[in-house]
PDB file of N, CA and C in Angstrom:
ATOM      1  N   UNK A   1       0.818  -1.183   0.000  1.00  0.00           N
ATOM      2  CA  UNK A   1       0.000   0.000   0.000  1.00  0.00           C
ATOM      3  C   UNK A   1       0.866   1.252   0.000  1.00  0.00           C
ATOM      4  N   UNK A   2       1.887   1.278   0.828  1.00  0.00           N
ATOM      5  CA  UNK A   2       2.750   2.449   0.871  1.00  0.00           C
ATOM      6  C   UNK A   2       3.731   2.472  -0.303  1.00  0.00           C
ATOM      7  N   UNK A   3       4.065   1.308  -0.811  1.00  0.00           N
ATOM      8  CA  UNK A   3       5.045   1.267  -1.892  1.00  0.00           C
ATOM      9  C   UNK A   3       4.514   1.924  -3.158  1.00  0.00           C
ATOM     10  N   UNK A   4       3.215   1.823  -3.427  1.00  0.00           N
ATOM     11  CA  UNK A   4       2.643   2.428  -4.620  1.00  0.00           C
ATOM     12  C   UNK A   4       2.694   3.949  -4.535  1.00  0.00           C
ATOM     13  N   UNK A   5       2.291   4.505  -3.420  1.00  0.00           N
ATOM     14  CA  UNK A   5       2.316   5.960  -3.299  1.00  0.00           C
ATOM     15  C   UNK A   5       3.747   6.472  -3.178  1.00  0.00           C
ATOM     16  N   UNK A   6       4.621   5.665  -2.585  1.00  0.00           N
ATOM     17  CA  UNK A   6       6.024   6.050  -2.495  1.00  0.00           C
ATOM     18  C   UNK A   6       6.662   6.079  -3.881  1.00  0.00           C
ATOM     19  N   UNK A   7       6.364   5.071  -4.704  1.00  0.00           N
ATOM     20  CA  UNK A   7       6.910   5.021  -6.066  1.00  0.00           C
ATOM     21  C   UNK A   7       6.381   6.188  -6.896  1.00  0.00           C
ATOM     22  N   UNK A   8       5.098   6.503  -6.724  1.00  0.00           N
ATOM     23  CA  UNK A   8       4.534   7.632  -7.470  1.00  0.00           C
ATOM     24  C   UNK A   8       5.174   8.942  -7.028  1.00  0.00           C
ATOM     25  N   UNK A   9       5.441   9.070  -5.731  1.00  0.00           N
ATOM     26  CA  UNK A   9       6.106  10.272  -5.228  1.00  0.00           C
ATOM     27  C   UNK A   9       7.518  10.412  -5.759  1.00  0.00           C
ATOM     28  N   UNK A  10       8.237   9.291  -5.830  1.00  0.00           N
ATOM     29  CA  UNK A  10       9.611   9.310  -6.360  1.00  0.00           C
ATOM     30  C   UNK A  10       9.600   9.690  -7.832  1.00  0.00           C
ATOM     31  N   UNK A  11       8.655   9.146  -8.584  1.00  0.00           N
ATOM     32  CA  UNK A  11       8.560   9.471 -10.015  1.00  0.00           C
ATOM     33  C   UNK A  11       8.239  10.947 -10.199  1.00  0.00           C
ATOM     34  N   UNK A  12       7.331  11.473  -9.385  1.00  0.00           N
ATOM     35  CA  UNK A  12       6.998  12.897  -9.484  1.00  0.00           C
ATOM     36  C   UNK A  12       8.192  13.772  -9.126  1.00  0.00           C
ATOM     37  N   UNK A  13       8.955  13.366  -8.103  1.00  0.00           N
ATOM     38  CA  UNK A  13      10.140  14.129  -7.726  1.00  0.00           C
ATOM     39  C   UNK A  13      11.189  14.120  -8.839  1.00  0.00           C
ATOM     40  N   UNK A  14      11.391  12.966  -9.457  1.00  0.00           N
ATOM     41  CA  UNK A  14      12.372  12.878 -10.542  1.00  0.00           C
ATOM     42  C   UNK A  14      11.917  13.672 -11.767  1.00  0.00           C
ATOM     43  N   UNK A  15      10.618  13.668 -12.026  1.00  0.00           N
ATOM     44  CA  UNK A  15      10.097  14.465 -13.136  1.00  0.00           C
ATOM     45  C   UNK A  15      10.332  15.946 -12.892  1.00  0.00           C
ATOM     46  N   UNK A  16      10.050  16.400 -11.671  1.00  0.00           N
ATOM     47  CA  UNK A  16      10.297  17.795 -11.322  1.00  0.00           C
ATOM     48  C   UNK A  16      11.769  18.146 -11.384  1.00  0.00           C
ATOM     49  N   UNK A  17      12.629  17.219 -10.947  1.00  0.00           N
ATOM     50  CA  UNK A  17      14.071  17.440 -11.015  1.00  0.00           C
ATOM     51  C   UNK A  17      14.539  17.541 -12.469  1.00  0.00           C
ATOM     52  N   UNK A  18      13.980  16.706 -13.329  1.00  0.00           N
ATOM     53  CA  UNK A  18      14.329  16.767 -14.754  1.00  0.00           C
ATOM     54  C   UNK A  18      13.921  18.090 -15.376  1.00  0.00           C
ATOM     55  N   UNK A  19      12.741  18.592 -15.027  1.00  0.00           N
ATOM     56  CA  UNK A  19      12.297  19.886 -15.557  1.00  0.00           C
ATOM     57  C   UNK A  19      13.187  21.014 -15.055  1.00  0.00           C
ATOM     58  N   UNK A  20      13.583  20.930 -13.764  1.00  0.00           N
ATOM     59  CA  UNK A  20      14.475  21.954 -13.213  1.00  0.00           C
ATOM     60  C   UNK A  20      15.841  21.915 -13.884  1.00  0.00           C
ATOM     61  N   UNK A  21      16.337  20.718 -14.181  1.00  0.00           N
ATOM     62  CA  UNK A  21      17.628  20.580 -14.850  1.00  0.00           C
ATOM     63  C   UNK A  21      17.566  21.134 -16.269  1.00  0.00           C
ATOM     64  N   UNK A  22      16.458  20.893 -16.961  1.00  0.00           N
ATOM     65  CA  UNK A  22      16.292  21.427 -18.311  1.00  0.00           C
ATOM     66  C   UNK A  22      16.255  22.952 -18.283  1.00  0.00           C
ATOM     67  N   UNK A  23      15.555  23.512 -17.318  1.00  0.00           N
ATOM     68  CA  UNK A  23      15.499  24.969 -17.183  1.00  0.00           C
ATOM     69  C   UNK A  23      16.882  25.530 -16.878  1.00  0.00           C
ATOM     70  N   UNK A  24      17.616  24.859 -16.013  1.00  0.00           N
ATOM     71  CA  UNK A  24      18.976  25.292 -15.682  1.00  0.00           C
ATOM     72  C   UNK A  24      19.854  25.305 -16.931  1.00  0.00           C
ATOM     73  N   UNK A  25      19.779  24.251 -17.711  1.00  0.00           N
ATOM     74  CA  UNK A  25      20.607  24.182 -18.919  1.00  0.00           C
ATOM     75  C   UNK A  25      20.227  25.248 -19.936  1.00  0.00           C
ATOM     76  N   UNK A  26      18.927  25.431 -20.169  1.00  0.00           N
ATOM     77  CA  UNK A  26      18.521  26.377 -21.208  1.00  0.00           C
ATOM     78  C   UNK A  26      18.709  27.822 -20.799  1.00  0.00           C
ATOM     79  N   UNK A  27      18.535  28.126 -19.538  1.00  0.00           N
ATOM     80  CA  UNK A  27      18.618  29.519 -19.122  1.00  0.00           C
ATOM     81  C   UNK A  27      20.031  29.897 -18.706  1.00  0.00           C
ATOM     82  N   UNK A  28      20.597  29.160 -17.766  1.00  0.00           N
ATOM     83  CA  UNK A  28      21.881  29.562 -17.193  1.00  0.00           C
ATOM     84  C   UNK A  28      23.046  29.217 -18.118  1.00  0.00           C
ATOM     85  N   UNK A  29      23.145  27.952 -18.502  1.00  0.00           N
ATOM     86  CA  UNK A  29      24.309  27.518 -19.284  1.00  0.00           C
ATOM     87  C   UNK A  29      24.316  28.168 -20.665  1.00  0.00           C
ATOM     88  N   UNK A  30      23.181  28.148 -21.360  1.00  0.00           N
ATOM     89  CA  UNK A  30      23.146  28.770 -22.680  1.00  0.00           C
ATOM     90  C   UNK A  30      23.285  30.287 -22.588  1.00  0.00           C
ATOM     91  N   UNK A  31      22.796  30.877 -21.512  1.00  0.00           N
ATOM     92  CA  UNK A  31      22.988  32.314 -21.312  1.00  0.00           C
ATOM     93  C   UNK A  31      24.456  32.671 -21.130  1.00  0.00           C
ATOM     94  N   UNK A  32      25.169  31.843 -20.367  1.00  0.00           N
ATOM     95  CA  UNK A  32      26.608  32.068 -20.185  1.00  0.00           C
ATOM     96  C   UNK A  32      27.356  31.895 -21.501  1.00  0.00           C
ATOM     97  N   UNK A  33      26.993  30.874 -22.262  1.00  0.00           N
ATOM     98  CA  UNK A  33      27.632  30.657 -23.559  1.00  0.00           C
ATOM     99  C   UNK A  33      27.351  31.833 -24.498  1.00  0.00           C
ATOM    100  N   UNK A  34      26.122  32.367 -24.472  1.00  0.00           N
ATOM    101  CA  UNK A  34      25.748  33.502 -25.309  1.00  0.00           C
ATOM    102  C   UNK A  34      26.597  34.724 -24.974  1.00  0.00           C
ATOM    103  N   UNK A  35      26.670  35.068 -23.690  1.00  0.00           N
ATOM    104  CA  UNK A  35      27.444  36.239 -23.273  1.00  0.00           C
ATOM    105  C   UNK A  35      28.923  36.042 -23.568  1.00  0.00           C
ATOM    106  N   UNK A  36      29.432  34.828 -23.331  1.00  0.00           N
ATOM    107  CA  UNK A  36      30.847  34.557 -23.577  1.00  0.00           C
ATOM    108  C   UNK A  36      31.181  34.644 -25.066  1.00  0.00           C
ATOM    109  N   UNK A  37      30.288  34.172 -25.920  1.00  0.00           N
ATOM    110  CA  UNK A  37      30.575  34.231 -27.364  1.00  0.00           C
ATOM    111  C   UNK A  37      30.558  35.666 -27.877  1.00  0.00           C
ATOM    112  N   UNK A  38      29.637  36.481 -27.373  1.00  0.00           N
ATOM    113  CA  UNK A  38      29.619  37.885 -27.783  1.00  0.00           C
ATOM    114  C   UNK A  38      30.870  38.594 -27.269  1.00  0.00           C
ATOM    115  N   UNK A  39      31.244  38.301 -26.020  1.00  0.00           N
ATOM    116  CA  UNK A  39      32.459  38.897 -25.452  1.00  0.00           C
ATOM    117  C   UNK A  39      33.716  38.451 -26.172  1.00  0.00           C
ATOM    118  N   UNK A  40      33.780  37.186 -26.536  1.00  0.00           N
ATOM    119  CA  UNK A  40      34.946  36.673 -27.250  1.00  0.00           C
ATOM    120  C   UNK A  40      35.038  37.278 -28.649  1.00  0.00           C
ATOM    121  N   UNK A  41      33.897  37.473 -29.297  1.00  0.00           N
ATOM    122  CA  UNK A  41      33.898  38.101 -30.618  1.00  0.00           C
ATOM    123  C   UNK A  41      34.408  39.533 -30.533  1.00  0.00           C
ATOM    124  N   UNK A  42      33.941  40.270 -29.528  1.00  0.00           N
ATOM    125  CA  UNK A  42      34.399  41.646 -29.376  1.00  0.00           C
ATOM    126  C   UNK A  42      35.881  41.698 -29.011  1.00  0.00           C
ATOM    127  N   UNK A  43      36.340  40.788 -28.144  1.00  0.00           N
ATOM    128  CA  UNK A  43      37.743  40.790 -27.732  1.00  0.00           C
ATOM    129  C   UNK A  43      38.661  40.433 -28.897  1.00  0.00           C
ATOM    130  N   UNK A  44      38.228  39.543 -29.753  1.00  0.00           N
ATOM    131  CA  UNK A  44      39.073  39.117 -30.861  1.00  0.00           C
ATOM    132  C   UNK A  44      39.129  40.156 -31.971  1.00  0.00           C
ATOM    133  N   UNK A  45      38.006  40.850 -32.206  1.00  0.00           N
ATOM    134  CA  UNK A  45      37.963  41.752 -33.351  1.00  0.00           C
ATOM    135  C   UNK A  45      37.982  43.229 -32.968  1.00  0.00           C
ATOM    136  N   UNK A  46      37.614  43.547 -31.741  1.00  0.00           N
ATOM    137  CA  UNK A  46      37.470  44.932 -31.271  1.00  0.00           C
ATOM    138  C   UNK A  46      36.527  45.723 -32.174  1.00  0.00           C
ATOM    139  N   UNK A  47      35.542  45.031 -32.694  1.00  0.00           N
ATOM    140  CA  UNK A  47      34.568  45.658 -33.579  1.00  0.00           C
ATOM    141  C   UNK A  47      33.184  45.543 -32.950  1.00  0.00           C
ATOM    142  N   UNK A  48      32.548  46.689 -32.759  1.00  0.00           N
ATOM    143  CA  UNK A  48      31.195  46.681 -32.198  1.00  0.00           C
ATOM    144  C   UNK A  48      30.203  46.098 -33.200  1.00  0.00           C
ATOM    145  N   UNK A  49      30.455  46.275 -34.489  1.00  0.00           N
ATOM    146  CA  UNK A  49      29.567  45.734 -35.509  1.00  0.00           C
ATOM    147  C   UNK A  49      29.574  44.209 -35.473  1.00  0.00           C
ATOM    148  N   UNK A  50      30.757  43.612 -35.418  1.00  0.00           N
ATOM    149  CA  UNK A  50      30.847  42.151 -35.381  1.00  0.00           C
ATOM    150  C   UNK A  50      30.280  41.595 -34.085  1.00  0.00           C
ATOM    151  N   UNK A  51      30.508  42.300 -32.979  1.00  0.00           N
ATOM    152  CA  UNK A  51      29.924  41.862 -31.709  1.00  0.00           C
ATOM    153  C   UNK A  51      28.402  41.986 -31.749  1.00  0.00           C
ATOM    154  N   UNK A  52      27.903  43.015 -32.399  1.00  0.00           N
ATOM    155  CA  UNK A  52      26.453  43.177 -32.536  1.00  0.00           C
ATOM    156  C   UNK A  52      25.835  42.087 -33.391  1.00  0.00           C
ATOM    157  N   UNK A  53      26.528  41.701 -34.456  1.00  0.00           N
ATOM    158  CA  UNK A  53      26.044  40.612 -35.309  1.00  0.00           C
ATOM    159  C   UNK A  53      26.047  39.306 -34.533  1.00  0.00           C
ATOM    160  N   UNK A  54      27.099  39.079 -33.727  1.00  0.00           N
ATOM    161  CA  UNK A  54      27.151  37.872 -32.898  1.00  0.00           C
ATOM    162  C   UNK A  54      26.020  37.885 -31.874  1.00  0.00           C
ATOM    163  N   UNK A  55      25.720  39.058 -31.318  1.00  0.00           N
ATOM    164  CA  UNK A  55      24.635  39.169 -30.347  1.00  0.00           C
ATOM    165  C   UNK A  55      23.285  38.907 -31.012  1.00  0.00           C
ATOM    166  N   UNK A  56      23.084  39.432 -32.221  1.00  0.00           N
ATOM    167  CA  UNK A  56      21.822  39.217 -32.930  1.00  0.00           C
ATOM    168  C   UNK A  56      21.654  37.744 -33.307  1.00  0.00           C
ATOM    169  N   UNK A  57      22.717  37.138 -33.792  1.00  0.00           N
ATOM    170  CA  UNK A  57      22.650  35.718 -34.144  1.00  0.00           C
ATOM    171  C   UNK A  57      22.399  34.846 -32.924  1.00  0.00           C
ATOM    172  N   UNK A  58      23.068  35.165 -31.835  1.00  0.00           N
ATOM    173  CA  UNK A  58      22.848  34.419 -30.600  1.00  0.00           C
ATOM    174  C   UNK A  58      21.439  34.605 -30.069  1.00  0.00           C
ATOM    175  N   UNK A  59      20.890  35.804 -30.237  1.00  0.00           N
ATOM    176  CA  UNK A  59      19.518  36.056 -29.792  1.00  0.00           C
ATOM    177  C   UNK A  59      18.516  35.239 -30.601  1.00  0.00           C
ATOM    178  N   UNK A  60      18.781  35.089 -31.889  1.00  0.00           N
ATOM    179  CA  UNK A  60      17.906  34.261 -32.722  1.00  0.00           C
ATOM    180  C   UNK A  60      17.953  32.813 -32.257  1.00  0.00           C
ATOM    181  N   UNK A  61      19.154  32.308 -31.992  1.00  0.00           N
ATOM    182  CA  UNK A  61      19.296  30.928 -31.523  1.00  0.00           C
ATOM    183  C   UNK A  61      18.610  30.751 -30.173  1.00  0.00           C
ATOM    184  N   UNK A  62      18.790  31.697 -29.264  1.00  0.00           N
ATOM    185  CA  UNK A  62      18.145  31.608 -27.949  1.00  0.00           C
ATOM    186  C   UNK A  62      16.627  31.675 -28.082  1.00  0.00           C
ATOM    187  N   UNK A  63      16.130  32.472 -29.011  1.00  0.00           N
ATOM    188  CA  UNK A  63      14.690  32.542 -29.246  1.00  0.00           C
ATOM    189  C   UNK A  63      14.126  31.231 -29.764  1.00  0.00           C
ATOM    190  N   UNK A  64      14.868  30.587 -30.653  1.00  0.00           N
ATOM    191  CA  UNK A  64      14.429  29.285 -31.173  1.00  0.00           C
ATOM    192  C   UNK A  64      14.413  28.252 -30.061  1.00  0.00           C
ATOM    193  N   UNK A  65      15.436  28.277 -29.220  1.00  0.00           N
ATOM    194  CA  UNK A  65      15.484  27.330 -28.106  1.00  0.00           C
ATOM    195  C   UNK A  65      14.350  27.598 -27.125  1.00  0.00           C
ATOM    196  N   UNK A  66      14.048  28.856 -26.863  1.00  0.00           N
ATOM    197  CA  UNK A  66      12.976  29.201 -25.924  1.00  0.00           C
ATOM    198  C   UNK A  66      11.603  28.794 -26.451  1.00  0.00           C
ATOM    199  N   UNK A  67      11.421  28.815 -27.764  1.00  0.00           N
ATOM    200  CA  UNK A  67      10.122  28.463 -28.335  1.00  0.00           C
ATOM    201  C   UNK A  67      10.062  27.016 -28.796  1.00  0.00           C
ATOM    202  N   UNK A  68      10.960  26.185 -28.314  1.00  0.00           N
ATOM    203  CA  UNK A  68      11.020  24.790 -28.743  1.00  0.00           C
ATOM    204  C   UNK A  68       9.729  24.039 -28.421  1.00  0.00           C
ATOM    205  N   UNK A  69       9.115  24.305 -27.274  1.00  0.00           N
ATOM    206  CA  UNK A  69       7.876  23.610 -26.916  1.00  0.00           C
ATOM    207  C   UNK A  69       6.765  23.951 -27.900  1.00  0.00           C
ATOM    208  N   UNK A  70       6.673  25.204 -28.293  1.00  0.00           N
ATOM    209  CA  UNK A  70       5.646  25.624 -29.251  1.00  0.00           C
ATOM    210  C   UNK A  70       5.893  25.000 -30.618  1.00  0.00           C
ATOM    211  N   UNK A  71       7.144  24.985 -31.034  1.00  0.00           N
ATOM    212  CA  UNK A  71       7.486  24.397 -32.337  1.00  0.00           C
ATOM    213  C   UNK A  71       7.164  22.907 -32.334  1.00  0.00           C
ATOM    214  N   UNK A  72       7.461  22.226 -31.230  1.00  0.00           N
ATOM    215  CA  UNK A  72       7.182  20.798 -31.125  1.00  0.00           C
ATOM    216  C   UNK A  72       5.686  20.531 -31.203  1.00  0.00           C
ATOM    217  N   UNK A  73       4.886  21.344 -30.493  1.00  0.00           N
ATOM    218  CA  UNK A  73       3.437  21.162 -30.523  1.00  0.00           C
ATOM    219  C   UNK A  73       2.873  21.407 -31.917  1.00  0.00           C
ATOM    220  N   UNK A  74       3.342  22.442 -32.593  1.00  0.00           N
ATOM    221  CA  UNK A  74       2.857  22.750 -33.936  1.00  0.00           C
ATOM    222  C   UNK A  74       3.233  21.646 -34.925  1.00  0.00           C
ATOM    223  N   UNK A  75       4.434  21.105 -34.787  1.00  0.00           N
ATOM    224  CA  UNK A  75       4.863  20.036 -35.674  1.00  0.00           C
ATOM    225  C   UNK A  75       4.027  18.784 -35.457  1.00  0.00           C
ATOM    226  N   UNK A  76       3.787  18.434 -34.187  1.00  0.00           N
ATOM    227  CA  UNK A  76       2.960  17.264 -33.891  1.00  0.00           C
ATOM    228  C   UNK A  76       1.539  17.458 -34.397  1.00  0.00           C
ATOM    229  N   UNK A  77       1.009  18.662 -34.255  1.00  0.00           N
ATOM    230  CA  UNK A  77      -0.334  18.961 -34.740  1.00  0.00           C
ATOM    231  C   UNK A  77      -0.408  18.831 -36.258  1.00  0.00           C
ATOM    232  N   UNK A  78       0.633  19.262 -36.951  1.00  0.00           N
ATOM    233  CA  UNK A  78       0.656  19.176 -38.415  1.00  0.00           C
ATOM    234  C   UNK A  78       0.710  17.724 -38.877  1.00  0.00           C
ATOM    235  N   UNK A  79       1.447  16.880 -38.163  1.00  0.00           N
ATOM    236  CA  UNK A  79       1.520  15.468 -38.534  1.00  0.00           C
ATOM    237  C   UNK A  79       0.200  14.746 -38.271  1.00  0.00           C
ATOM    238  N   UNK A  80      -0.562  15.200 -37.286  1.00  0.00           N
ATOM    239  CA  UNK A  80      -1.812  14.537 -36.947  1.00  0.00           C
ATOM    240  C   UNK A  80      -2.961  14.934 -37.863  1.00  0.00           C
ATOM    241  N   UNK A  81      -2.823  16.020 -38.619  1.00  0.00           N
ATOM    242  CA  UNK A  81      -3.885  16.458 -39.522  1.00  0.00           C
ATOM    243  C   UNK A  81      -4.088  15.447 -40.638  1.00  0.00           C
ATOM    244  N   UNK A  82      -5.321  15.387 -41.117  1.00  0.00           N
ATOM    245  CA  UNK A  82      -5.638  14.536 -42.260  1.00  0.00           C
ATOM    246  C   UNK A  82      -5.490  15.381 -43.517  1.00  0.00           C
ATOM    247  N   UNK A  83      -4.491  15.094 -44.307  1.00  0.00           N
ATOM    248  CA  UNK A  83      -4.192  15.893 -45.493  1.00  0.00           C
ATOM    249  C   UNK A  83      -4.729  15.236 -46.764  1.00  0.00           C
ATOM    250  N   UNK A  84      -5.935  14.761 -46.704  1.00  0.00           N
ATOM    251  CA  UNK A  84      -6.501  14.108 -47.876  1.00  0.00           C
ATOM    252  C   UNK A  84      -7.261  15.120 -48.719  1.00  0.00           C
ATOM    253  N   UNK A  85      -7.591  14.708 -49.931  1.00  0.00           N
ATOM    254  CA  UNK A  85      -8.339  15.563 -50.844  1.00  0.00           C
ATOM    255  C   UNK A  85      -9.770  15.652 -50.331  1.00  0.00           C
ATOM    256  N   UNK A  86     -10.366  16.800 -50.475  1.00  0.00           N
ATOM    257  CA  UNK A  86     -11.737  16.984 -50.029  1.00  0.00           C
ATOM    258  C   UNK A  86     -11.810  17.932 -48.846  1.00  0.00           C
ATOM    259  N   UNK A  87     -10.683  18.380 -48.372  1.00  0.00           N
ATOM    260  CA  UNK A  87     -10.668  19.333 -47.274  1.00  0.00           C
ATOM    261  C   UNK A  87     -10.139  20.673 -47.755  1.00  0.00           C
ATOM    262  N   UNK A  88     -10.519  21.036 -48.955  1.00  0.00           N
ATOM    263  CA  UNK A  88     -10.089  22.310 -49.500  1.00  0.00           C
ATOM    264  C   UNK A  88      -8.769  22.228 -50.246  1.00  0.00           C
ATOM    265  N   UNK A  89      -8.253  21.030 -50.445  1.00  0.00           N
ATOM    266  CA  UNK A  89      -6.994  20.870 -51.154  1.00  0.00           C
ATOM    267  C   UNK A  89      -7.297  20.628 -52.618  1.00  0.00           C
ATOM    268  N   UNK A  90      -6.637  21.333 -53.487  1.00  0.00           N
ATOM    269  CA  UNK A  90      -6.861  21.184 -54.915  1.00  0.00           C
ATOM    270  C   UNK A  90      -5.731  20.350 -55.488  1.00  0.00           C
ATOM    271  N   UNK A  91      -6.095  19.283 -56.187  1.00  0.00           N
ATOM    272  CA  UNK A  91      -5.087  18.449 -56.827  1.00  0.00           C
ATOM    273  C   UNK A  91      -4.956  18.854 -58.281  1.00  0.00           C
ATOM    274  N   UNK A  92      -3.750  18.862 -58.756  1.00  0.00           N
ATOM    275  CA  UNK A  92      -3.493  19.142 -60.159  1.00  0.00           C
ATOM    276  C   UNK A  92      -3.183  17.809 -60.820  1.00  0.00           C
ATOM    277  N   UNK A  93      -3.992  17.458 -61.802  1.00  0.00           N
ATOM    278  CA  UNK A  93      -3.810  16.187 -62.485  1.00  0.00           C
ATOM    279  C   UNK A  93      -2.900  16.411 -63.677  1.00  0.00           C
ATOM    280  N   UNK A  94      -1.913  15.555 -63.796  1.00  0.00           N
ATOM    281  CA  UNK A  94      -0.980  15.675 -64.913  1.00  0.00           C
ATOM    282  C   UNK A  94      -1.687  15.268 -66.203  1.00  0.00           C
ATOM    283  N   UNK A  95      -1.752  16.189 -67.134  1.00  0.00           N
ATOM    284  CA  UNK A  95      -2.300  15.895 -68.456  1.00  0.00           C
ATOM    285  C   UNK A  95      -1.363  16.496 -69.481  1.00  0.00           C
ATOM    286  N   UNK A  96      -1.383  15.917 -70.639  1.00  0.00           N
ATOM    287  CA  UNK A  96      -0.570  16.486 -71.702  1.00  0.00           C
ATOM    288  C   UNK A  96      -1.292  17.711 -72.251  1.00  0.00           C
ATOM    289  N   UNK A  97      -0.541  18.683 -72.734  1.00  0.00           N
ATOM    290  CA  UNK A  97      -1.203  19.880 -73.273  1.00  0.00           C
ATOM    291  C   UNK A  97      -2.052  19.514 -74.483  1.00  0.00           C
ATOM    292  N   UNK A  98      -3.132  20.268 -74.719  1.00  0.00           N
ATOM    293  CA  UNK A  98      -3.998  19.946 -75.859  1.00  0.00           C
ATOM    294  C   UNK A  98      -3.246  20.144 -77.178  1.00  0.00           C
ATOM    295  N   UNK A  99      -3.551  19.285 -78.118  1.00  0.00           N
ATOM    296  CA  UNK A  99      -2.913  19.353 -79.424  1.00  0.00           C
ATOM    297  C   UNK A  99      -3.665  20.348 -80.298  1.00  0.00           C
ATOM    298  N   UNK A 100      -2.946  21.272 -80.885  1.00  0.00           N
ATOM    299  CA  UNK A 100      -3.548  22.276 -81.769  1.00  0.00           C
ATOM    300  C   UNK A 100      -3.117  21.956 -83.192  1.00  0.00           C
ATOM    301  N   UNK A 101      -4.092  21.759 -84.059  1.00  0.00           N
ATOM    302  CA  UNK A 101      -3.798  21.464 -85.448  1.00  0.00           C
ATOM    303  C   UNK A 101      -3.878  22.752 -86.248  1.00  0.00           C
ATOM    304  N   UNK A 102      -2.829  23.042 -86.966  1.00  0.00           N
ATOM    305  CA  UNK A 102      -2.777  24.235 -87.800  1.00  0.00           C
ATOM    306  C   UNK A 102      -2.732  23.768 -89.251  1.00  0.00           C
ATOM    307  N   UNK A 103      -3.681  24.269 -90.048  1.00  0.00           N
ATOM    308  CA  UNK A 103      -3.732  23.878 -91.456  1.00  0.00           C
ATOM    309  C   UNK A 103      -2.674  24.651 -92.222  1.00  0.00           C
ATOM    310  N   UNK A 104      -1.897  23.938 -92.979  1.00  0.00           N
ATOM    311  CA  UNK A 104      -0.872  24.608 -93.785  1.00  0.00           C
ATOM    312  C   UNK A 104      -1.447  24.891 -95.173  1.00  0.00           C
ATOM    313  N   UNK A 105      -1.093  26.040 -95.756  1.00  0.00           N
ATOM    314  CA  UNK A 105      -1.630  26.354 -97.102  1.00  0.00           C
ATOM    315  C   UNK A 105      -1.027  25.400 -98.145  1.00  0.00           C
ATOM    316  N   UNK A 106      -1.823  25.056 -99.105  1.00  0.00           N
ATOM    317  CA  UNK A 106      -1.342  24.201-100.195  1.00  0.00           C
ATOM    318  C   UNK A 106      -0.688  25.065-101.272  1.00  0.00           C
ATOM    319  N   UNK A 107       0.025  24.432-102.101  1.00  0.00           N
ATOM    320  CA  UNK A 107       0.817  25.165-103.098  1.00  0.00           C
ATOM    321  C   UNK A 107      -0.068  25.915-104.103  1.00  0.00           C
ATOM    322  N   UNK A 108      -1.205  25.394-104.485  1.00  0.00           N
ATOM    323  CA  UNK A 108      -2.019  26.026-105.507  1.00  0.00           C
ATOM    324  C   UNK A 108      -3.103  26.940-104.960  1.00  0.00           C
ATOM    325  N   UNK A 109      -3.261  27.046-103.715  1.00  0.00           N
ATOM    326  CA  UNK A 109      -4.376  27.840-103.188  1.00  0.00           C
ATOM    327  C   UNK A 109      -3.990  29.317-103.093  1.00  0.00           C
ATOM    328  N   UNK A 110      -5.001  30.140-103.245  1.00  0.00           N
ATOM    329  CA  UNK A 110      -4.765  31.577-103.114  1.00  0.00           C
ATOM    330  C   UNK A 110      -5.269  32.028-101.769  1.00  0.00           C
ATOM    331  N   UNK A 111      -4.590  32.984-101.231  1.00  0.00           N
ATOM    332  CA  UNK A 111      -4.983  33.491 -99.928  1.00  0.00           C
ATOM    333  C   UNK A 111      -5.838  34.711-100.139  1.00  0.00           C
ATOM    334  N   UNK A 112      -6.952  34.815 -99.442  1.00  0.00           N
ATOM    335  CA  UNK A 112      -7.835  35.975 -99.658  1.00  0.00           C
ATOM    336  C   UNK A 112      -7.167  37.254 -99.220  1.00  0.00           C
ATOM    337  N   UNK A 113      -7.485  38.317 -99.919  1.00  0.00           N
ATOM    338  CA  UNK A 113      -6.975  39.627 -99.588  1.00  0.00           C
ATOM    339  C   UNK A 113      -5.714  39.986-100.323  1.00  0.00           C
ATOM    340  N   UNK A 114      -5.176  39.109-101.142  1.00  0.00           N
ATOM    341  CA  UNK A 114      -3.966  39.404-101.868  1.00  0.00           C
ATOM    342  C   UNK A 114      -4.277  39.462-103.358  1.00  0.00           C
ATOM    343  N   UNK A 115      -3.588  40.292-104.039  1.00  0.00           N
ATOM    344  CA  UNK A 115      -3.785  40.430-105.459  1.00  0.00           C
ATOM    345  C   UNK A 115      -2.579  39.945-106.216  1.00  0.00           C
TER     346      UNK A 115
END
């Protein structure tokens, strides 16, 4: 009786610990790497422009990492959709272009309008 609730408590504690570890990695460790890379770029080049580009690029990467849960949910939702015909999807059927027959003038015929 106690072992079941104890096991559930241990699993909940480990789940919470895993979430805390993920938050630590994404916020603290990646934040330190971001600041260090911008600082290293500025120290190596002494250029504010290059450091600014490194900061902008790092901000884009950090933004993608921060929105990973949303991206994952949207991707899973897209895979679960039924993408069959009949839900507003238009299919293009491969057909050969229509054949146009052009009559060529014969050697003895006269064309109207010419003298």
